[in-house]
């Protein structure tokens, strides 16, 4: 992609009619919109390429790790609370504070 520095055609712009200036403005806005589309497409492509490279890196690192000896784990052990008997999970506490505090009403004065 070639980066062109363009100077506005000052002599033309200073002597142009209103219609000519409007046409010039629309052509520049059209060109700007096309560049924006190209940038968006390039960003999408860049993100996709980076994601593929990161996946490859992760797979390389996983293959280089020594294999772990894993004992079978029951599903209930994976999700068991570590707080001991009577422990609450985070979802049990979501609305706990709302019940304790009364709603606050603000009056506009």
Protein backbone atom coordinates (compact mmCIF):
# COMPACT_ATOMS: atom_id res chain seq x y z
CA UNK A 1 0.00 0.00 0.00
CA UNK A 2 1.45 3.29 -1.11
CA UNK A 3 1.23 6.25 1.27
CA UNK A 4 0.72 9.40 -0.73
CA UNK A 5 0.96 12.82 0.80
CA UNK A 6 -1.39 14.96 -1.17
CA UNK A 7 -1.54 18.68 -0.94
CA UNK A 8 -4.88 20.24 -1.69
CA UNK A 9 -4.94 22.07 -5.02
CA UNK A 10 -4.93 25.50 -3.42
CA UNK A 11 -5.26 27.57 -6.60
CA UNK A 12 -8.25 25.52 -7.71
CA UNK A 13 -9.89 25.57 -4.27
CA UNK A 14 -9.47 29.30 -3.79
CA UNK A 15 -10.97 30.12 -7.19
CA UNK A 16 -13.58 27.33 -7.41
CA UNK A 17 -17.32 27.86 -7.37
CA UNK A 18 -19.53 26.53 -4.59
CA UNK A 19 -20.59 23.56 -6.75
CA UNK A 20 -16.96 22.70 -7.55
CA UNK A 21 -16.03 22.87 -3.87
CA UNK A 22 -18.95 20.61 -2.98
CA UNK A 23 -17.88 18.12 -5.65
CA UNK A 24 -14.31 18.19 -4.38
CA UNK A 25 -15.54 17.69 -0.80
CA UNK A 26 -17.68 14.70 -1.81
CA UNK A 27 -14.84 13.11 -3.76
CA UNK A 28 -12.49 13.46 -0.76
CA UNK A 29 -15.14 12.06 1.61
CA UNK A 30 -15.68 9.13 -0.76
CA UNK A 31 -11.96 8.45 -0.90
CA UNK A 32 -11.79 8.70 2.89
CA UNK A 33 -14.64 6.20 3.28
CA UNK A 34 -12.91 3.76 0.93
CA UNK A 35 -9.69 4.03 2.92
CA UNK A 36 -11.61 3.39 6.14
CA UNK A 37 -13.10 0.21 4.64
CA UNK A 38 -9.64 -0.96 3.60
CA UNK A 39 -8.29 -0.26 7.09
CA UNK A 40 -11.16 -2.25 8.62
CA UNK A 41 -10.49 -5.18 6.33
CA UNK A 42 -6.77 -5.03 7.11
CA UNK A 43 -7.46 -4.95 10.85
CA UNK A 44 -9.75 -7.98 10.56
CA UNK A 45 -7.08 -9.82 8.61
CA UNK A 46 -4.40 -8.80 11.11
CA UNK A 47 -6.50 -10.03 14.05
CA UNK A 48 -7.16 -13.35 12.31
CA UNK A 49 -3.48 -13.86 11.52
CA UNK A 50 -2.46 -12.99 15.09
CA UNK A 51 -5.07 -15.38 16.51
CA UNK A 52 -3.74 -18.21 14.31
CA UNK A 53 -0.16 -17.46 15.34
CA UNK A 54 -1.12 -17.38 19.03
CA UNK A 55 -2.92 -20.71 18.68
CA UNK A 56 0.16 -22.23 17.08
CA UNK A 57 2.36 -20.83 19.88
CA UNK A 58 0.01 -22.27 22.53
CA UNK A 59 0.08 -25.69 20.85
CA UNK A 60 3.90 -25.58 20.68
CA UNK A 61 4.09 -24.80 24.39
CA UNK A 62 1.57 -27.52 25.26
CA UNK A 63 3.59 -30.10 23.35
CA UNK A 64 6.82 -29.05 25.07
CA UNK A 65 5.32 -29.52 28.53
CA UNK A 66 6.03 -32.82 30.22
CA UNK A 67 2.90 -34.94 30.47
CA UNK A 68 1.22 -34.83 33.87
CA UNK A 69 0.07 -37.95 35.62
CA UNK A 70 -3.58 -37.22 36.20
CA UNK A 71 -5.79 -39.17 38.51
CA UNK A 72 -9.46 -39.41 37.57
CA UNK A 73 -11.43 -36.66 39.30
CA UNK A 74 -15.12 -36.92 40.01
CA UNK A 75 -17.31 -34.12 38.62
CA UNK A 76 -18.60 -33.19 42.07
CA UNK A 77 -15.00 -32.70 43.26
CA UNK A 78 -14.37 -30.23 40.45
CA UNK A 79 -17.26 -28.02 41.53
CA UNK A 80 -17.14 -28.59 45.30
CA UNK A 81 -16.86 -25.56 47.59
CA UNK A 82 -13.50 -25.35 49.36
CA UNK A 83 -14.88 -23.40 52.29
CA UNK A 84 -15.91 -26.43 54.28
CA UNK A 85 -19.37 -27.28 55.64
CA UNK A 86 -21.98 -24.56 55.26
CA UNK A 87 -19.88 -22.51 52.83
CA UNK A 88 -21.76 -20.40 50.33
CA UNK A 89 -20.91 -20.01 46.69
CA UNK A 90 -20.59 -16.61 45.04
CA UNK A 91 -24.03 -16.99 43.45
CA UNK A 92 -25.58 -17.40 46.91
CA UNK A 93 -24.26 -13.97 47.86
CA UNK A 94 -25.30 -12.01 44.80
CA UNK A 95 -28.49 -10.56 46.25
CA UNK A 96 -27.57 -10.85 49.94
CA UNK A 97 -26.67 -7.16 50.29
CA UNK A 98 -29.86 -5.96 48.61
CA UNK A 99 -32.06 -7.65 51.18
CA UNK A 100 -30.20 -6.01 54.05
CA UNK A 101 -30.18 -2.44 52.73
CA UNK A 102 -33.45 -0.59 52.13
CA UNK A 103 -33.81 1.22 48.80
CA UNK A 104 -32.62 4.80 48.78
CA UNK A 105 -35.00 7.40 47.36
CA UNK A 106 -33.57 10.72 46.33
CA UNK A 107 -35.84 13.69 46.14
CA UNK A 108 -35.13 16.50 43.76
CA UNK A 109 -35.03 19.80 45.59
